[in-house]
C-alpha cells in the first residue's frame, strides 16, 4: 500500500506487490512484457499466487 502498511490476506498482498512492480516498470517506460524472468519466494500459497498473477499479467 502507498502508506507502507501490509494488507491482510495473501491475495491482497500479492496484488500490492505486483502493483508496485508495475509502477516501477511504468516509471521506466516499460510494462510486464519487458520482464524476462521473475523469482518469487512464498510458502504454502503457490496456487493462489499463480491465480492472482495470471489475472494481473495476462
N, C-alpha and C. Protein backbone atom coordinates (compact mmCIF):
# COMPACT_ATOMS: atom_id res chain seq x y z
N UNK A 1 0.84 -1.17 0.00
CA UNK A 1 0.00 0.00 0.00
C UNK A 1 0.89 1.24 0.00
N UNK A 2 0.35 2.31 -0.45
CA UNK A 2 1.15 3.53 -0.55
C UNK A 2 1.59 4.06 0.81
N UNK A 3 0.84 3.74 1.87
CA UNK A 3 1.22 4.24 3.19
C UNK A 3 2.18 3.31 3.92
N UNK A 4 2.60 2.22 3.26
CA UNK A 4 3.58 1.31 3.84
C UNK A 4 2.99 0.19 4.66
N UNK A 5 1.67 0.18 4.86
CA UNK A 5 1.06 -0.90 5.61
C UNK A 5 0.92 -2.13 4.72
N UNK A 6 0.87 -3.28 5.35
CA UNK A 6 0.71 -4.54 4.63
C UNK A 6 -0.75 -4.96 4.75
N UNK A 7 -1.41 -5.18 3.63
CA UNK A 7 -2.82 -5.59 3.70
C UNK A 7 -2.97 -7.00 4.24
N UNK A 8 -4.16 -7.30 4.74
CA UNK A 8 -4.46 -8.64 5.23
C UNK A 8 -4.71 -9.57 4.05
N UNK A 9 -4.23 -10.77 4.14
CA UNK A 9 -4.54 -11.80 3.15
C UNK A 9 -3.52 -11.90 2.03
N UNK A 10 -3.33 -13.12 1.59
CA UNK A 10 -2.35 -13.42 0.56
C UNK A 10 -2.69 -12.75 -0.77
N UNK A 11 -3.96 -12.81 -1.16
CA UNK A 11 -4.35 -12.22 -2.44
C UNK A 11 -4.10 -10.72 -2.46
N UNK A 12 -4.49 -10.03 -1.41
CA UNK A 12 -4.29 -8.58 -1.33
C UNK A 12 -2.81 -8.23 -1.33
N UNK A 13 -2.00 -9.01 -0.62
CA UNK A 13 -0.56 -8.75 -0.58
C UNK A 13 0.08 -8.97 -1.94
N UNK A 14 -0.36 -10.02 -2.65
CA UNK A 14 0.18 -10.29 -3.98
C UNK A 14 -0.19 -9.18 -4.94
N UNK A 15 -1.42 -8.70 -4.87
CA UNK A 15 -1.85 -7.60 -5.73
C UNK A 15 -1.04 -6.34 -5.48
N UNK A 16 -0.77 -6.04 -4.21
CA UNK A 16 0.04 -4.86 -3.88
C UNK A 16 1.46 -5.02 -4.43
N UNK A 17 2.04 -6.20 -4.27
CA UNK A 17 3.40 -6.44 -4.76
C UNK A 17 3.49 -6.22 -6.26
N UNK A 18 2.55 -6.81 -7.02
CA UNK A 18 2.58 -6.66 -8.47
C UNK A 18 2.27 -5.23 -8.88
N UNK A 19 1.42 -4.56 -8.13
CA UNK A 19 1.11 -3.15 -8.42
C UNK A 19 2.36 -2.29 -8.27
N UNK A 20 3.13 -2.55 -7.23
CA UNK A 20 4.36 -1.78 -7.02
C UNK A 20 5.39 -2.06 -8.11
N UNK A 21 5.48 -3.32 -8.54
CA UNK A 21 6.39 -3.65 -9.63
C UNK A 21 5.95 -2.96 -10.91
N UNK A 22 4.64 -2.99 -11.18
CA UNK A 22 4.10 -2.33 -12.37
C UNK A 22 4.40 -0.83 -12.36
N UNK A 23 4.29 -0.22 -11.19
CA UNK A 23 4.56 1.22 -11.08
C UNK A 23 6.03 1.51 -11.39
N UNK A 24 6.94 0.70 -10.89
CA UNK A 24 8.37 0.88 -11.18
C UNK A 24 8.64 0.72 -12.67
N UNK A 25 8.03 -0.29 -13.27
CA UNK A 25 8.21 -0.51 -14.71
C UNK A 25 7.67 0.68 -15.50
N UNK A 26 6.49 1.15 -15.11
CA UNK A 26 5.86 2.28 -15.80
C UNK A 26 6.73 3.53 -15.74
N UNK A 27 7.33 3.77 -14.59
CA UNK A 27 8.20 4.94 -14.44
C UNK A 27 9.42 4.85 -15.36
N UNK A 28 9.79 3.63 -15.73
CA UNK A 28 10.91 3.42 -16.65
C UNK A 28 10.44 3.32 -18.10
N UNK A 29 9.13 3.53 -18.32
CA UNK A 29 8.59 3.45 -19.66
C UNK A 29 8.38 2.02 -20.15
N UNK A 30 8.23 1.10 -19.22
CA UNK A 30 8.09 -0.32 -19.54
C UNK A 30 6.81 -0.89 -18.97
N UNK A 31 6.54 -2.15 -19.30
CA UNK A 31 5.45 -2.89 -18.69
C UNK A 31 5.93 -4.32 -18.46
N UNK A 32 5.03 -5.20 -18.02
CA UNK A 32 5.45 -6.56 -17.69
C UNK A 32 5.95 -7.34 -18.90
N UNK A 33 5.64 -6.90 -20.11
CA UNK A 33 6.16 -7.61 -21.28
C UNK A 33 7.67 -7.48 -21.38
N UNK A 34 8.26 -6.53 -20.67
CA UNK A 34 9.71 -6.35 -20.67
C UNK A 34 10.41 -7.23 -19.63
N UNK A 35 9.64 -7.88 -18.77
CA UNK A 35 10.21 -8.73 -17.73
C UNK A 35 10.50 -10.10 -18.32
N UNK A 36 11.76 -10.50 -18.25
CA UNK A 36 12.18 -11.79 -18.81
C UNK A 36 12.02 -12.89 -17.79
N UNK A 37 12.39 -12.61 -16.56
CA UNK A 37 12.32 -13.62 -15.51
C UNK A 37 12.05 -12.94 -14.18
N UNK A 38 11.26 -13.60 -13.35
CA UNK A 38 10.96 -13.08 -12.02
C UNK A 38 10.99 -14.24 -11.05
N UNK A 39 11.76 -14.11 -10.00
CA UNK A 39 11.84 -15.15 -8.98
C UNK A 39 11.04 -14.70 -7.77
N UNK A 40 10.17 -15.56 -7.28
CA UNK A 40 9.37 -15.24 -6.10
C UNK A 40 9.58 -16.31 -5.04
N UNK A 41 9.47 -15.92 -3.81
CA UNK A 41 9.60 -16.85 -2.69
C UNK A 41 8.34 -16.74 -1.84
N UNK A 42 7.66 -17.86 -1.66
CA UNK A 42 6.46 -17.86 -0.85
C UNK A 42 6.25 -19.25 -0.27
N UNK A 43 5.47 -19.31 0.79
CA UNK A 43 5.24 -20.57 1.49
C UNK A 43 3.75 -20.88 1.46
N UNK A 44 3.41 -22.06 0.99
CA UNK A 44 2.04 -22.59 1.04
C UNK A 44 1.01 -21.68 0.40
N UNK A 45 1.36 -21.06 -0.72
CA UNK A 45 0.38 -20.23 -1.41
C UNK A 45 0.55 -20.31 -2.92
N UNK A 46 1.21 -21.33 -3.40
CA UNK A 46 1.51 -21.46 -4.81
C UNK A 46 0.32 -21.31 -5.74
N UNK A 47 -0.76 -22.03 -5.50
CA UNK A 47 -1.92 -21.98 -6.39
C UNK A 47 -2.55 -20.60 -6.38
N UNK A 48 -2.71 -20.01 -5.21
CA UNK A 48 -3.32 -18.68 -5.13
C UNK A 48 -2.42 -17.65 -5.80
N UNK A 49 -1.13 -17.72 -5.58
CA UNK A 49 -0.19 -16.80 -6.21
C UNK A 49 -0.31 -16.89 -7.73
N UNK A 50 -0.33 -18.10 -8.26
CA UNK A 50 -0.44 -18.28 -9.71
C UNK A 50 -1.75 -17.71 -10.24
N UNK A 51 -2.84 -17.90 -9.49
CA UNK A 51 -4.14 -17.39 -9.90
C UNK A 51 -4.13 -15.85 -9.96
N UNK A 52 -3.63 -15.23 -8.92
CA UNK A 52 -3.58 -13.76 -8.88
C UNK A 52 -2.63 -13.23 -9.95
N UNK A 53 -1.49 -13.87 -10.09
CA UNK A 53 -0.51 -13.45 -11.11
C UNK A 53 -1.12 -13.50 -12.51
N UNK A 54 -1.85 -14.56 -12.80
CA UNK A 54 -2.43 -14.70 -14.13
C UNK A 54 -3.47 -13.61 -14.40
N UNK A 55 -4.19 -13.19 -13.38
CA UNK A 55 -5.18 -12.11 -13.52
C UNK A 55 -4.49 -10.78 -13.80
N UNK A 56 -3.34 -10.57 -13.19
CA UNK A 56 -2.66 -9.28 -13.29
C UNK A 56 -1.77 -9.16 -14.52
N UNK A 57 -1.25 -10.27 -15.02
CA UNK A 57 -0.27 -10.21 -16.09
C UNK A 57 -0.82 -10.53 -17.46
N UNK A 58 -1.89 -11.25 -17.56
CA UNK A 58 -2.33 -11.71 -18.87
C UNK A 58 -3.73 -11.28 -19.18
